[in-house]
C-alpha atoms as a PDB file:
ATOM      1  CA  MET A   1      10.529 -85.341-101.566  1.00  0.00           C
ATOM      2  CA  ARG A   2      12.054 -83.701-104.621  1.00  0.00           C
ATOM      3  CA  ARG A   3      13.449 -87.007-105.781  1.00  0.00           C
ATOM      4  CA  ARG A   4       9.974 -88.610-105.711  1.00  0.00           C
ATOM      5  CA  GLU A   5       8.469 -85.653-107.551  1.00  0.00           C
ATOM      6  CA  PHE A   6      11.187 -85.895-110.202  1.00  0.00           C
ATOM      7  CA  ILE A   7      10.643 -89.641-110.678  1.00  0.00           C
ATOM      8  CA  SER A   8       6.870 -89.099-110.908  1.00  0.00           C
ATOM      9  CA  LEU A   9       7.404 -86.358-113.474  1.00  0.00           C
ATOM     10  CA  ILE A  10       9.652 -88.560-115.621  1.00  0.00           C
ATOM     11  CA  GLY A  11       7.246 -91.497-115.359  1.00  0.00           C
ATOM     12  CA  GLY A  12       4.280 -89.314-116.296  1.00  0.00           C
ATOM     13  CA  ALA A  13       6.127 -87.806-119.254  1.00  0.00           C
ATOM     14  CA  ALA A  14       7.073 -91.273-120.524  1.00  0.00           C
ATOM     15  CA  ALA A  15       3.461 -92.429-120.273  1.00  0.00           C
ATOM     16  CA  VAL A  16       2.200 -89.374-122.179  1.00  0.00           C
ATOM     17  CA  TRP A  17       4.902 -89.732-124.826  1.00  0.00           C
ATOM     18  CA  SER A  18       4.163 -93.417-125.439  1.00  0.00           C
ATOM     19  CA  SER A  19       0.401 -92.843-125.660  1.00  0.00           C
ATOM     20  CA  ARG A  20       0.937 -90.030-128.181  1.00  0.00           C
ATOM     21  CA  ALA A  21       3.269 -92.199-130.235  1.00  0.00           C
ATOM     22  CA  LEU A  22       0.632 -94.939-130.383  1.00  0.00           C
ATOM     23  CA  ALA A  23      -2.129 -92.467-131.236  1.00  0.00           C
ATOM     24  CA  GLN A  24      -0.191 -91.159-134.232  1.00  0.00           C
ATOM     25  CA  GLN A  25       0.125 -94.524-135.967  1.00  0.00           C
ATOM     26  CA  PRO A  26      -1.405 -94.180-139.440  1.00  0.00           C
ATOM     27  CA  ALA A  27      -4.654 -96.041-139.979  1.00  0.00           C
ATOM     28  CA  MET A  28      -4.516 -99.095-142.201  1.00  0.00           C
ATOM     29  CA  PRO A  29      -5.989 -98.303-145.651  1.00  0.00           C
ATOM     30  CA  THR A  30      -9.377 -99.974-146.034  1.00  0.00           C
ATOM     31  CA  ILE A  31     -11.160-101.147-149.176  1.00  0.00           C
ATOM     32  CA  GLY A  32     -14.796-102.201-149.322  1.00  0.00           C
ATOM     33  CA  TRP A  33     -15.586-105.190-151.573  1.00  0.00           C
ATOM     34  CA  LEU A  34     -19.277-105.293-152.442  1.00  0.00           C
ATOM     35  CA  TYR A  35     -20.665-108.180-154.438  1.00  0.00           C
ATOM     36  CA  MET A  36     -24.253-108.646-155.545  1.00  0.00           C
ATOM     37  CA  GLY A  37     -24.014-112.444-155.195  1.00  0.00           C
ATOM     38  CA  SER A  38     -23.359-114.664-152.214  1.00  0.00           C
ATOM     39  CA  GLU A  39     -20.230-115.709-150.343  1.00  0.00           C
ATOM     40  CA  PRO A  40     -17.041-116.491-152.286  1.00  0.00           C
ATOM     41  CA  SER A  41     -18.152-119.802-153.804  1.00  0.00           C
ATOM     42  CA  THR A  42     -19.587-117.872-156.765  1.00  0.00           C
ATOM     43  CA  GLN A  43     -16.512-115.717-157.284  1.00  0.00           C
ATOM     44  CA  ASP A  44     -13.421-117.487-155.970  1.00  0.00           C
ATOM     45  CA  GLU A  45     -11.395-116.725-159.106  1.00  0.00           C
ATOM     46  CA  ILE A  46     -12.314-113.046-159.042  1.00  0.00           C
ATOM     47  CA  ILE A  47     -11.345-112.586-155.392  1.00  0.00           C
ATOM     48  CA  GLU A  48      -8.130-114.512-155.959  1.00  0.00           C
ATOM     49  CA  ALA A  49      -7.277-112.262-158.922  1.00  0.00           C
ATOM     50  CA  PHE A  50      -8.052-109.193-156.791  1.00  0.00           C
ATOM     51  CA  ARG A  51      -5.807-110.409-153.974  1.00  0.00           C
ATOM     52  CA  SER A  52      -3.086-111.299-156.460  1.00  0.00           C
ATOM     53  CA  GLY A  53      -3.266-107.805-157.939  1.00  0.00           C
ATOM     54  CA  LEU A  54      -2.981-106.278-154.475  1.00  0.00           C
ATOM     55  CA  ALA A  55       0.004-108.540-153.745  1.00  0.00           C
ATOM     56  CA  ASP A  56       1.679-107.433-156.986  1.00  0.00           C
ATOM     57  CA  LEU A  57       1.422-103.880-155.657  1.00  0.00           C
ATOM     58  CA  GLY A  58       2.885-104.891-152.294  1.00  0.00           C
ATOM     59  CA  TYR A  59      -0.367-105.131-150.320  1.00  0.00           C
ATOM     60  CA  SER A  60      -1.445-108.013-148.131  1.00  0.00           C
ATOM     61  CA  ASP A  61      -4.897-108.126-146.545  1.00  0.00           C
ATOM     62  CA  GLY A  62      -4.531-107.847-142.797  1.00  0.00           C
ATOM     63  CA  LYS A  63      -0.881-106.749-142.884  1.00  0.00           C
ATOM     64  CA  ASN A  64      -0.788-103.373-144.641  1.00  0.00           C
ATOM     65  CA  ILE A  65      -4.304-103.098-146.045  1.00  0.00           C
ATOM     66  CA  ARG A  66      -7.759-104.203-144.912  1.00  0.00           C
ATOM     67  CA  VAL A  67     -10.475-105.468-147.238  1.00  0.00           C
ATOM     68  CA  LEU A  68     -14.064-105.574-146.012  1.00  0.00           C
ATOM     69  CA  TYR A  69     -15.919-108.247-147.983  1.00  0.00           C
ATOM     70  CA  ARG A  70     -19.690-107.769-148.131  1.00  0.00           C
ATOM     71  CA  TYR A  71     -22.227-109.870-150.056  1.00  0.00           C
ATOM     72  CA  ALA A  72     -25.794-108.863-150.923  1.00  0.00           C
ATOM     73  CA  ASP A  73     -26.899-112.481-151.553  1.00  0.00           C
ATOM     74  CA  GLY A  74     -28.784-111.338-154.641  1.00  0.00           C
ATOM     75  CA  SER A  75     -30.819-108.740-152.738  1.00  0.00           C
ATOM     76  CA  VAL A  76     -30.700-105.281-154.295  1.00  0.00           C
ATOM     77  CA  ASP A  77     -32.234-103.883-151.103  1.00  0.00           C
ATOM     78  CA  ARG A  78     -29.117-104.807-149.105  1.00  0.00           C
ATOM     79  CA  LEU A  79     -26.624-102.920-151.288  1.00  0.00           C
ATOM     80  CA  SER A  80     -27.086 -99.479-149.719  1.00  0.00           C
ATOM     81  CA  ALA A  81     -26.852-100.793-146.163  1.00  0.00           C
ATOM     82  CA  LEU A  82     -23.740-102.817-146.983  1.00  0.00           C
ATOM     83  CA  THR A  83     -22.159 -99.765-148.593  1.00  0.00           C
ATOM     84  CA  LEU A  84     -22.868 -97.597-145.552  1.00  0.00           C
ATOM     85  CA  GLU A  85     -21.558-100.315-143.248  1.00  0.00           C
ATOM     86  CA  SER A  86     -18.299-100.528-145.201  1.00  0.00           C
ATOM     87  CA  VAL A  87     -17.862 -96.760-145.200  1.00  0.00           C
ATOM     88  CA  SER A  88     -18.615 -96.556-141.468  1.00  0.00           C
ATOM     89  CA  LEU A  89     -15.890 -99.169-140.887  1.00  0.00           C
ATOM     90  CA  GLY A  90     -13.362 -97.007-142.738  1.00  0.00           C
ATOM     91  CA  ALA A  91     -13.557 -98.027-146.396  1.00  0.00           C
ATOM     92  CA  LYS A  92     -12.166 -95.215-148.512  1.00  0.00           C
ATOM     93  CA  VAL A  93     -13.032 -96.899-151.804  1.00  0.00           C
ATOM     94  CA  ILE A  94     -15.602 -99.516-152.833  1.00  0.00           C
ATOM     95  CA  VAL A  95     -14.861-102.257-155.361  1.00  0.00           C
ATOM     96  CA  THR A  96     -17.943-103.625-157.108  1.00  0.00           C
ATOM     97  CA  ALA A  97     -19.412-104.632-160.459  1.00  0.00           C
ATOM     98  CA  GLY A  98     -22.705-104.382-162.280  1.00  0.00           C
ATOM     99  CA  THR A  99     -24.917-101.395-162.946  1.00  0.00           C
ATOM    100  CA  THR A 100     -27.264-102.083-160.033  1.00  0.00           C
ATOM    101  CA  ALA A 101     -24.472-102.310-157.464  1.00  0.00           C
ATOM    102  CA  ILE A 102     -22.644 -99.300-158.886  1.00  0.00           C
ATOM    103  CA  ARG A 103     -25.780 -97.134-158.683  1.00  0.00           C
ATOM    104  CA  ALA A 104     -26.544 -98.325-155.151  1.00  0.00           C
ATOM    105  CA  VAL A 105     -23.003 -97.517-153.983  1.00  0.00           C
ATOM    106  CA  HIS A 106     -23.096 -94.113-155.640  1.00  0.00           C
ATOM    107  CA  ASP A 107     -26.514 -93.279-154.157  1.00  0.00           C
ATOM    108  CA  ALA A 108     -25.539 -94.420-150.645  1.00  0.00           C
ATOM    109  CA  ALA A 109     -22.075 -92.820-150.573  1.00  0.00           C
ATOM    110  CA  PRO A 110     -21.705 -90.333-153.443  1.00  0.00           C
ATOM    111  CA  ASN A 111     -18.294 -89.071-152.251  1.00  0.00           C
ATOM    112  CA  VAL A 112     -16.668 -92.495-152.036  1.00  0.00           C
ATOM    113  CA  PRO A 113     -14.692 -93.579-155.124  1.00  0.00           C
ATOM    114  CA  ILE A 114     -15.931 -96.706-156.887  1.00  0.00           C
ATOM    115  CA  VAL A 115     -13.585 -99.173-158.568  1.00  0.00           C
ATOM    116  CA  ILE A 116     -15.455-101.256-161.115  1.00  0.00           C
ATOM    117  CA  TRP A 117     -14.207-104.672-162.115  1.00  0.00           C
ATOM    118  CA  ALA A 118     -15.468-106.188-165.304  1.00  0.00           C
ATOM    119  CA  GLY A 119     -14.892-109.308-167.352  1.00  0.00           C
ATOM    120  CA  GLY A 120     -13.902-112.794-166.449  1.00  0.00           C
ATOM    121  CA  ILE A 121     -10.659-114.510-165.702  1.00  0.00           C
ATOM    122  CA  GLN A 122      -8.491-115.273-168.712  1.00  0.00           C
ATOM    123  CA  GLU A 123      -6.147-118.217-168.803  1.00  0.00           C
END
């Protein structure tokens, strides 16, 4: 009987240890991307420049960083909800542009840093 108890104890300890090891994995950093316009067709170059900049810093979306892309489709009323959705999904910073979007992000999540992109793509 002692042998069975010992094996059960070892098996239980291994299960607890492995579950703790998995629980301590650091969360993937998450960025919220909020755009006043519609899906990428209106901003392909901007998103590509953003991804390129992340890559230059060693980040790859889905591998060691997560980017949550959200589009307001021109509706100012959607900005606050999209901001709150991004924050609830783990975004620690919001990337956006334009006074209206910046104010909406700040009003919805005043403690979340805002990164503002401005200007066009230069060749």
